[in-house]
Amino acid sequence: MKDTAMATLRKLHILVIAPTPFFSDRGTHIRILEEALALEQLGHTVTIATYHIGKDILAVLGSRIDVRRIRRLLFWYKKLEAGPDWQKIILDLLLIKKTLFLARTKRPDIIHGHLHEGVLIGWVVQKILFWRNIKLVGDFHGSLVKEMVSHAYLGQGVLRKVFRRVENFIDNLGDAAVTSSWENTEEIGRIREGKPTETLLDGVRLEMFRSSSDRDALRDRYGIPRKKTVIAYTGALIPNKGISFFLDAIPLVAEKHPEAHFVIAGFPREKIESYLSTGVFRERMTVISPLSYFVLPEVLAMADIGVDPKEAEVKQASGKLLQYMGAGLPVACFDTKNNRKYLGEGGWYAQDTSAAGLADVIGVMLGDTSELKRRGGMNRERAERFTWKESARALERIYERLSEVSGG
């Protein structure tokens, strides 16, 4: 009986709900993309339901994943960056319709909902098609309320309490739940009161970092001084990624370390524009914006130190940590459980969650170049533990348990 279940498992049809403009070059989309690609490589059929905008990149990657988009009724909506927007309510209603159509016609075995909106949409469709006994897996990337607060969409009033109740309700949905960080698993696990909740870590595509790019040639191309020690941040330039900690730390580091040069690569650039007009940023920093996910290895090949200033409070994983590790970089970050689990002894941890604390730890790193290389090597070795294929295998085990429960 178990052999039959395993055989069925290899041919599952998974309907992924991505309530976002897939694909865009940021962490949420990288997780959606790489999970889907790894599941496809393990033999599963994957369909992705998503918004009307986003890059069509799967065919370029040689994938046969079927991406289905909602109608372009909100043809003026072109926002690619993360963050709440009231118009997403309309987009998500259209996505419910698209998901319901796909669930009826493609008859998936599993609905895999990303983000709180995707989980809620999956639950609605699951209930409408209750006789199909489709199993729902919720994939939580962080805290809904904390993200809205970080984008200044919520204050401390009644509305925040309402959204906290909504978040708790959604956290409790699904036949199984996965989160992208240990901190988030602990929080959602308490809310779900024993219902299956697991940490499904982000991964790294190690083959992206195996090319031997010439560092000097790359630095010349991007206008970065060859002899400087390059400290890099890559990713979204939005508040809940902690970017302001790094920006405020840059003048503190630059004052004491003339050898330091800073690189910020990501989007949207306008979010950090107020910093870029001052002298130290004009003279000591290179901005690469936007940043393609597939150009990321070039940027990291130019760097000597990677910086991740994300706080534990947002309950998100940090895919950029794994990219830094894959590139063999030592990492400056805050002292969180998630960071410790990923980096172990390969990280430098700021004592305080502040710009000054981050500046202090970067200063320590700049004073010990031999240790930079040693810890960078440690991180590259540890990255072998965190591949997308391992994440997909963990999802397979979850899908298998759900199939056994449903008698599939």
Protein backbone atom coordinates (compact mmCIF):
# COMPACT_ATOMS: atom_id res chain seq x y z
CA MET A 1 0.00 0.00 0.00
CA LYS A 2 2.83 2.39 0.82
CA ASP A 3 4.57 1.59 -2.49
CA THR A 4 1.35 2.55 -4.29
CA ALA A 5 1.17 5.81 -2.34
CA MET A 6 4.78 6.60 -3.25
CA ALA A 7 4.11 5.87 -6.92
CA THR A 8 1.11 8.21 -6.84
CA LEU A 9 3.19 10.81 -5.05
CA ARG A 10 5.66 11.00 -7.90
CA LYS A 11 2.86 12.11 -10.23
CA LEU A 12 1.03 14.64 -8.09
CA HIS A 13 -0.56 17.68 -9.68
CA ILE A 14 0.09 20.73 -7.51
CA LEU A 15 -1.82 23.98 -7.94
CA VAL A 16 0.29 26.83 -6.57
CA ILE A 17 -1.40 30.10 -5.63
CA ALA A 18 0.91 33.11 -5.94
CA PRO A 19 -1.00 36.30 -5.01
CA THR A 20 1.75 38.54 -6.35
CA PRO A 21 3.09 39.76 -9.73
CA PHE A 22 5.07 36.59 -10.43
CA PHE A 23 7.92 36.65 -11.43
CA SER A 24 9.65 39.65 -9.93
CA ASP A 25 13.24 39.77 -8.71
CA ARG A 26 12.73 39.51 -4.95
CA GLY A 27 12.74 36.93 -2.19
CA THR A 28 9.06 35.95 -2.14
CA HIS A 29 9.14 35.22 -5.86
CA ILE A 30 12.42 33.35 -5.66
CA ARG A 31 10.89 31.01 -3.07
CA ILE A 32 7.80 30.44 -5.23
CA LEU A 33 9.90 29.89 -8.36
CA GLU A 34 12.53 27.61 -6.88
CA GLU A 35 10.06 25.45 -4.94
CA ALA A 36 8.04 24.94 -8.11
CA LEU A 37 11.10 24.15 -10.24
CA ALA A 38 12.43 21.67 -7.68
CA LEU A 39 9.03 19.93 -7.46
CA GLU A 40 8.92 19.71 -11.24
CA GLN A 41 12.40 18.18 -11.28
CA LEU A 42 11.17 15.54 -8.83
CA GLY A 43 8.47 14.53 -11.32
CA HIS A 44 5.43 16.51 -10.23
CA THR A 45 3.14 18.61 -12.44
CA VAL A 46 2.89 22.22 -11.27
CA THR A 47 0.43 24.96 -12.24
CA ILE A 48 0.86 28.49 -10.87
CA ALA A 49 -2.11 30.88 -10.54
CA THR A 50 -0.95 34.47 -10.23
CA TYR A 51 -1.57 38.14 -11.08
CA HIS A 52 -1.78 39.59 -14.59
CA ILE A 53 1.72 41.12 -14.44
CA GLY A 54 5.20 39.72 -13.91
CA LYS A 55 8.05 38.28 -15.97
CA ASP A 56 7.44 35.14 -18.00
CA ILE A 57 10.74 33.39 -17.31
CA LEU A 58 9.90 29.69 -16.93
CA ALA A 59 10.15 28.82 -20.63
CA VAL A 60 13.59 30.47 -20.70
CA LEU A 61 14.63 28.17 -17.85
CA GLY A 62 13.46 25.12 -19.79
CA SER A 63 10.51 24.49 -17.48
CA ARG A 64 7.06 23.26 -18.50
CA ILE A 65 5.32 24.73 -15.45
CA ASP A 66 1.98 26.23 -16.51
CA VAL A 67 1.60 29.84 -15.33
CA ARG A 68 -2.00 31.08 -15.48
CA ARG A 69 -2.74 34.76 -14.97
CA ILE A 70 -5.89 36.62 -13.98
CA ARG A 71 -7.58 38.94 -16.49
CA ARG A 72 -6.07 42.39 -16.94
CA LEU A 73 -9.11 44.24 -15.61
CA LEU A 74 -6.83 46.44 -13.50
CA PHE A 75 -4.64 47.16 -16.53
CA TRP A 76 -3.14 50.22 -14.82
CA TYR A 77 -1.85 48.19 -11.85
CA LYS A 78 1.87 47.65 -12.47
CA LYS A 79 3.32 47.54 -8.97
CA LEU A 80 6.08 44.91 -8.70
CA GLU A 81 7.59 45.75 -5.31
CA ALA A 82 6.42 44.21 -2.03
CA GLY A 83 3.90 45.89 0.22
CA PRO A 84 0.14 46.24 0.77
CA ASP A 85 -2.16 47.99 -1.68
CA TRP A 86 -5.95 48.26 -1.48
CA GLN A 87 -6.23 47.32 -5.16
CA LYS A 88 -4.88 43.88 -4.28
CA ILE A 89 -8.33 43.10 -2.83
CA ILE A 90 -9.73 43.23 -6.36
CA LEU A 91 -6.79 41.27 -7.75
CA ASP A 92 -7.27 38.59 -5.11
CA LEU A 93 -11.00 38.30 -5.90
CA LEU A 94 -10.02 37.72 -9.53
CA LEU A 95 -7.44 35.21 -8.35
CA ILE A 96 -10.13 33.28 -6.44
CA LYS A 97 -12.04 32.98 -9.71
CA LYS A 98 -8.93 31.84 -11.61
CA THR A 99 -7.95 29.34 -8.90
CA LEU A 100 -11.48 27.90 -8.76
CA PHE A 101 -11.45 27.43 -12.54
CA LEU A 102 -8.07 25.69 -12.43
CA ALA A 103 -9.07 23.50 -9.48
CA ARG A 104 -12.21 22.40 -11.36
CA THR A 105 -10.54 21.75 -14.71
CA LYS A 106 -7.08 20.50 -13.74
CA ARG A 107 -8.22 18.53 -10.67
CA PRO A 108 -5.08 19.06 -8.55
CA ASP A 109 -4.16 16.74 -5.69
CA ILE A 110 -2.70 19.58 -3.62
CA ILE A 111 -3.36 23.31 -3.43
CA HIS A 112 -0.22 25.07 -2.23
CA GLY A 113 -1.01 28.64 -1.14
CA HIS A 114 1.80 31.15 -0.73
CA LEU A 115 1.46 34.10 1.65
CA HIS A 116 -1.59 34.73 3.79
CA GLU A 117 -3.68 35.80 0.82
CA GLY A 118 -2.81 32.63 -1.08
CA VAL A 119 -3.71 30.44 1.88
CA LEU A 120 -7.08 32.20 2.28
CA ILE A 121 -7.81 31.86 -1.45
CA GLY A 122 -6.88 28.17 -1.32
CA TRP A 123 -9.17 27.61 1.66
CA VAL A 124 -12.12 29.28 -0.11
CA VAL A 125 -11.61 27.09 -3.19
CA GLN A 126 -11.11 23.98 -1.05
CA LYS A 127 -14.43 24.61 0.71
CA ILE A 128 -16.33 25.30 -2.51
CA LEU A 129 -15.03 22.03 -4.02
CA PHE A 130 -15.32 20.11 -0.76
CA TRP A 131 -16.31 16.82 -2.40
CA ARG A 132 -12.97 16.71 -4.25
CA ASN A 133 -11.10 16.36 -0.93
CA ILE A 134 -8.24 18.54 -2.20
CA LYS A 135 -5.59 19.05 0.46
CA LEU A 136 -4.33 22.55 1.25
CA VAL A 137 -0.78 23.42 2.29
CA GLY A 138 -0.20 26.95 3.58
CA ASP A 139 3.21 28.47 2.85
CA PHE A 140 3.71 31.42 5.23
CA HIS A 141 6.58 33.76 4.41
CA GLY A 142 6.23 36.03 7.42
CA SER A 143 3.76 37.98 9.52
CA LEU A 144 0.94 39.75 7.65
CA VAL A 145 0.41 42.38 10.36
CA LYS A 146 4.10 43.08 10.90
CA GLU A 147 4.60 43.58 7.18
CA MET A 148 1.67 46.02 7.02
CA VAL A 149 3.06 47.91 10.02
CA SER A 150 6.52 48.08 8.45
CA HIS A 151 4.99 49.61 5.30
CA ALA A 152 3.06 52.15 7.44
CA TYR A 153 -0.32 50.68 6.47
CA LEU A 154 -1.28 49.97 10.09
CA GLY A 155 -0.81 51.86 13.31
CA GLN A 156 -1.63 50.84 16.87
CA GLY A 157 -5.42 51.28 16.68
CA VAL A 158 -8.49 49.13 16.22
CA LEU A 159 -7.67 48.29 12.61
CA ARG A 160 -4.47 46.59 13.68
CA LYS A 161 -6.42 44.40 16.12
CA VAL A 162 -8.83 43.48 13.33
CA PHE A 163 -6.01 42.44 11.02
CA ARG A 164 -4.34 40.50 13.83
CA ARG A 165 -7.55 38.47 14.20
CA VAL A 166 -7.66 37.95 10.43
CA GLU A 167 -4.03 36.82 10.46
CA ASN A 168 -4.66 34.37 13.31
CA PHE A 169 -7.65 32.95 11.43
CA ILE A 170 -5.58 32.41 8.27
CA ASP A 171 -2.66 30.98 10.25
CA ASN A 172 -5.01 28.22 11.39
CA LEU A 173 -6.11 27.23 7.87
CA GLY A 174 -4.79 24.41 5.75
CA ASP A 175 -4.25 20.70 6.31
CA ALA A 176 -0.56 21.46 6.85
CA ALA A 177 1.48 24.62 7.12
CA VAL A 178 5.09 25.45 6.35
CA THR A 179 6.97 28.62 7.18
CA SER A 180 10.23 30.04 5.94
CA SER A 181 11.81 30.63 9.36
CA TRP A 182 12.13 28.92 12.72
CA GLU A 183 10.75 32.01 14.49
CA ASN A 184 7.61 31.98 12.38
CA THR A 185 7.11 28.24 12.89
CA GLU A 186 7.12 28.73 16.66
CA GLU A 187 4.53 31.52 16.48
CA ILE A 188 2.20 29.87 13.95
CA GLY A 189 2.61 26.49 15.64
CA ARG A 190 1.13 27.96 18.84
CA ILE A 191 -1.81 29.39 16.92
CA ARG A 192 -2.48 26.12 15.09
CA GLU A 193 -2.52 24.21 18.40
CA GLY A 194 -0.93 20.99 17.25
CA LYS A 195 -2.00 21.00 13.60
CA PRO A 196 0.98 20.14 11.35
CA THR A 197 3.42 23.07 11.09
CA GLU A 198 6.96 22.71 9.79
CA THR A 199 9.88 24.91 8.86
CA LEU A 200 10.56 24.71 5.14
CA LEU A 201 13.75 26.63 4.66
CA ASP A 202 14.60 28.72 1.66
CA GLY A 203 17.29 27.17 -0.48
CA VAL A 204 20.13 28.16 -2.74
CA ARG A 205 20.83 27.25 -6.34
CA LEU A 206 24.51 26.46 -5.97
CA GLU A 207 25.13 26.04 -9.69
CA MET A 208 24.56 29.79 -10.06
CA PHE A 209 27.80 30.41 -8.17
CA ARG A 210 30.04 27.91 -9.95
CA SER A 211 31.16 30.14 -12.83
CA SER A 212 34.62 31.67 -12.53
CA SER A 213 33.86 35.34 -13.15
CA ASP A 214 36.85 37.69 -13.17
CA ARG A 215 36.44 39.97 -10.18
CA ASP A 216 38.46 42.87 -11.55
CA ALA A 217 36.60 42.79 -14.88
CA LEU A 218 33.27 42.77 -13.05
CA ARG A 219 34.29 45.67 -10.82
CA ASP A 220 35.42 47.65 -13.85
CA ARG A 221 32.07 47.00 -15.54
CA TYR A 222 30.10 48.29 -12.54
CA GLY A 223 32.49 51.17 -11.74
CA ILE A 224 33.63 49.71 -8.42
CA PRO A 225 37.24 50.37 -7.30
CA ARG A 226 39.36 47.23 -7.66
CA LYS A 227 41.35 47.65 -4.44
CA LYS A 228 38.49 48.40 -2.06
CA THR A 229 36.85 45.98 0.37
CA VAL A 230 33.29 45.70 -0.93
CA ILE A 231 30.41 45.39 1.54
CA ALA A 232 27.23 44.37 -0.24
CA TYR A 233 23.50 44.32 0.45
CA THR A 234 21.25 42.65 -2.11
CA GLY A 235 17.47 42.49 -2.04
CA ALA A 236 14.37 44.61 -1.66
CA LEU A 237 14.94 48.22 -0.62
CA ILE A 238 11.92 48.35 1.69
CA PRO A 239 11.58 48.89 5.45
CA ASN A 240 10.85 45.34 6.63
CA LYS A 241 14.14 44.13 5.17
CA GLY A 242 16.05 46.33 7.62
CA ILE A 243 17.68 48.40 4.88
CA SER A 244 17.60 51.58 7.00
CA PHE A 245 19.91 49.94 9.57
CA PHE A 246 22.50 49.38 6.87
CA LEU A 247 22.08 52.82 5.30
CA ASP A 248 22.50 54.49 8.69
CA ALA A 249 25.53 52.31 9.42
CA ILE A 250 27.36 53.25 6.20
CA PRO A 251 28.59 56.73 7.34
CA LEU A 252 29.75 55.22 10.64
CA VAL A 253 31.80 52.56 8.87
CA ALA A 254 33.06 54.91 6.15
CA GLU A 255 34.41 57.39 8.71
CA LYS A 256 36.74 54.80 10.27
CA HIS A 257 37.51 52.60 7.28
CA PRO A 258 38.71 54.34 4.11
CA GLU A 259 39.19 50.92 2.46
CA ALA A 260 35.46 50.21 2.53
CA HIS A 261 33.19 50.55 -0.51
CA PHE A 262 29.47 49.79 -0.34
CA VAL A 263 27.18 48.16 -2.87
CA ILE A 264 23.40 48.16 -2.65
CA ALA A 265 21.64 46.08 -5.30
CA GLY A 266 17.86 45.80 -5.51
CA PHE A 267 14.68 47.81 -6.02
CA PRO A 268 12.77 50.11 -5.74
CA ARG A 269 15.58 52.66 -5.79
CA GLU A 270 13.22 55.54 -4.93
CA LYS A 271 12.81 54.10 -1.42
CA ILE A 272 16.43 55.03 -0.61
CA GLU A 273 16.74 58.14 -2.77
CA SER A 274 16.84 60.49 0.22
CA TYR A 275 20.13 58.92 1.32
CA LEU A 276 21.84 59.03 -2.06
CA SER A 277 22.24 62.80 -2.30
CA THR A 278 24.68 63.06 0.62
CA GLY A 279 28.44 62.98 0.09
CA VAL A 280 29.41 59.66 1.61
CA PHE A 281 26.83 57.81 -0.46
CA ARG A 282 27.82 59.53 -3.69
CA GLU A 283 31.52 58.86 -3.13
CA ARG A 284 31.61 55.50 -1.41
CA MET A 285 28.57 53.57 -2.65
CA THR A 286 27.47 51.92 -5.88
CA VAL A 287 23.74 51.32 -6.46
CA ILE A 288 22.68 48.57 -8.86
CA SER A 289 18.96 48.88 -9.50
CA PRO A 290 17.00 46.97 -10.52
CA LEU A 291 18.79 43.69 -9.82
CA SER A 292 17.91 40.57 -11.78
CA TYR A 293 17.94 37.35 -9.78
CA PHE A 294 20.08 35.82 -12.50
CA VAL A 295 22.66 38.63 -12.34
CA LEU A 296 22.95 38.26 -8.56
CA PRO A 297 26.01 35.92 -8.77
CA GLU A 298 27.96 38.63 -10.60
CA VAL A 299 27.22 41.18 -7.89
CA LEU A 300 28.23 38.80 -5.12
CA ALA A 301 31.40 37.80 -6.99
CA MET A 302 32.56 41.41 -6.61
CA ALA A 303 31.89 41.49 -2.86
CA ASP A 304 34.00 40.68 0.19
CA ILE A 305 31.26 40.92 2.85
CA GLY A 306 27.51 40.35 2.69
CA VAL A 307 25.12 42.25 4.98
CA ASP A 308 21.67 41.14 6.10
CA PRO A 309 20.11 43.72 8.45
CA LYS A 310 16.71 42.04 8.81
CA GLU A 311 15.22 41.90 12.32
CA ALA A 312 13.71 38.76 13.87
CA GLU A 313 10.42 40.59 14.46
CA VAL A 314 9.26 40.32 10.83
CA LYS A 315 9.26 36.49 11.15
CA GLN A 316 10.67 36.09 7.64
CA ALA A 317 13.48 33.89 6.43
CA SER A 318 16.37 35.49 4.63
CA GLY A 319 17.06 34.07 1.23
CA LYS A 320 19.88 36.59 0.82
CA LEU A 321 21.79 34.81 3.60
CA LEU A 322 21.82 31.67 1.51
CA GLN A 323 22.89 33.57 -1.59
CA TYR A 324 25.78 35.06 0.37
CA MET A 325 26.69 31.62 1.64
CA GLY A 326 26.52 30.11 -1.84
CA ALA A 327 28.90 32.84 -3.03
CA GLY A 328 31.31 32.07 -0.18
CA LEU A 329 30.90 35.40 1.62
CA PRO A 330 31.23 36.10 5.34
CA VAL A 331 28.06 37.75 6.66
CA ALA A 332 27.27 40.63 9.02
CA CYS A 333 23.82 40.38 10.57
CA PHE A 334 21.81 40.65 13.75
CA ASP A 335 21.82 37.92 16.37
CA THR A 336 18.60 36.03 15.60
CA LYS A 337 17.72 32.37 15.88
CA ASN A 338 17.21 32.15 12.14
CA ASN A 339 20.60 33.68 11.35
CA ARG A 340 22.38 31.43 13.85
CA LYS A 341 20.76 28.31 12.40
CA TYR A 342 21.82 29.21 8.88
CA LEU A 343 25.29 30.60 9.53
CA GLY A 344 26.54 28.98 12.71
CA GLU A 345 30.12 30.16 13.23
CA GLY A 346 30.25 31.63 9.72
CA GLY A 347 28.42 34.80 10.75
CA TRP A 348 29.37 37.95 12.58
CA TYR A 349 26.50 38.95 14.86
CA ALA A 350 25.83 42.53 15.95
CA GLN A 351 25.36 42.89 19.69
CA ASP A 352 22.60 45.47 19.30
CA THR A 353 19.77 45.62 16.78
CA SER A 354 20.77 49.09 15.62
CA ALA A 355 22.77 50.88 12.95
CA ALA A 356 25.59 51.39 15.45
CA GLY A 357 25.63 47.70 16.34
CA LEU A 358 25.77 46.76 12.66
CA ALA A 359 28.54 49.31 12.01
CA ASP A 360 30.57 47.94 14.92
CA VAL A 361 30.46 44.36 13.66
CA ILE A 362 31.34 45.40 10.09
CA GLY A 363 34.29 47.31 11.55
CA VAL A 364 35.49 44.16 13.33
CA MET A 365 35.24 42.22 10.08
CA LEU A 366 37.24 44.81 8.15
CA GLY A 367 40.04 44.45 10.69
CA ASP A 368 40.57 40.73 10.06
CA THR A 369 40.87 39.86 6.36
CA SER A 370 42.18 36.34 6.96
CA GLU A 371 39.15 35.53 9.12
CA LEU A 372 36.89 36.89 6.40
CA LYS A 373 38.20 34.27 3.99
CA ARG A 374 37.98 31.48 6.57
CA ARG A 375 34.38 32.18 7.50
CA GLY A 376 33.43 32.73 3.88
CA GLY A 377 34.74 29.23 3.14
CA MET A 378 32.74 27.85 6.04
CA ASN A 379 29.58 29.47 4.70
CA ARG A 380 30.13 28.04 1.22
CA GLU A 381 30.47 24.58 2.74
CA ARG A 382 27.35 25.01 4.91
CA ALA A 383 25.37 26.14 1.87
CA GLU A 384 25.49 22.54 0.62
CA ARG A 385 22.92 21.71 3.33
CA PHE A 386 20.39 24.23 2.07
CA THR A 387 19.39 23.41 -1.49
CA TRP A 388 15.99 23.82 -3.10
CA LYS A 389 15.95 20.11 -3.87
CA GLU A 390 16.06 19.38 -0.14
CA SER A 391 13.16 21.78 0.39
CA ALA A 392 11.17 20.04 -2.35
CA ARG A 393 11.82 16.64 -0.78
CA ALA A 394 10.50 17.97 2.52
CA LEU A 395 7.36 19.13 0.69
CA GLU A 396 7.01 15.67 -0.85
CA ARG A 397 6.95 14.12 2.61
CA ILE A 398 4.19 16.53 3.66
CA TYR A 399 2.21 15.78 0.49
CA GLU A 400 2.66 12.04 1.11
CA ARG A 401 1.25 12.27 4.63
CA LEU A 402 -1.75 14.25 3.37
CA SER A 403 -2.32 11.74 0.56
CA GLU A 404 -2.30 8.87 3.05
CA VAL A 405 -4.83 10.65 5.26
CA SER A 406 -7.16 11.22 2.29
CA GLY A 407 -6.74 7.63 1.12
CA GLY A 408 -4.97 8.77 -2.08
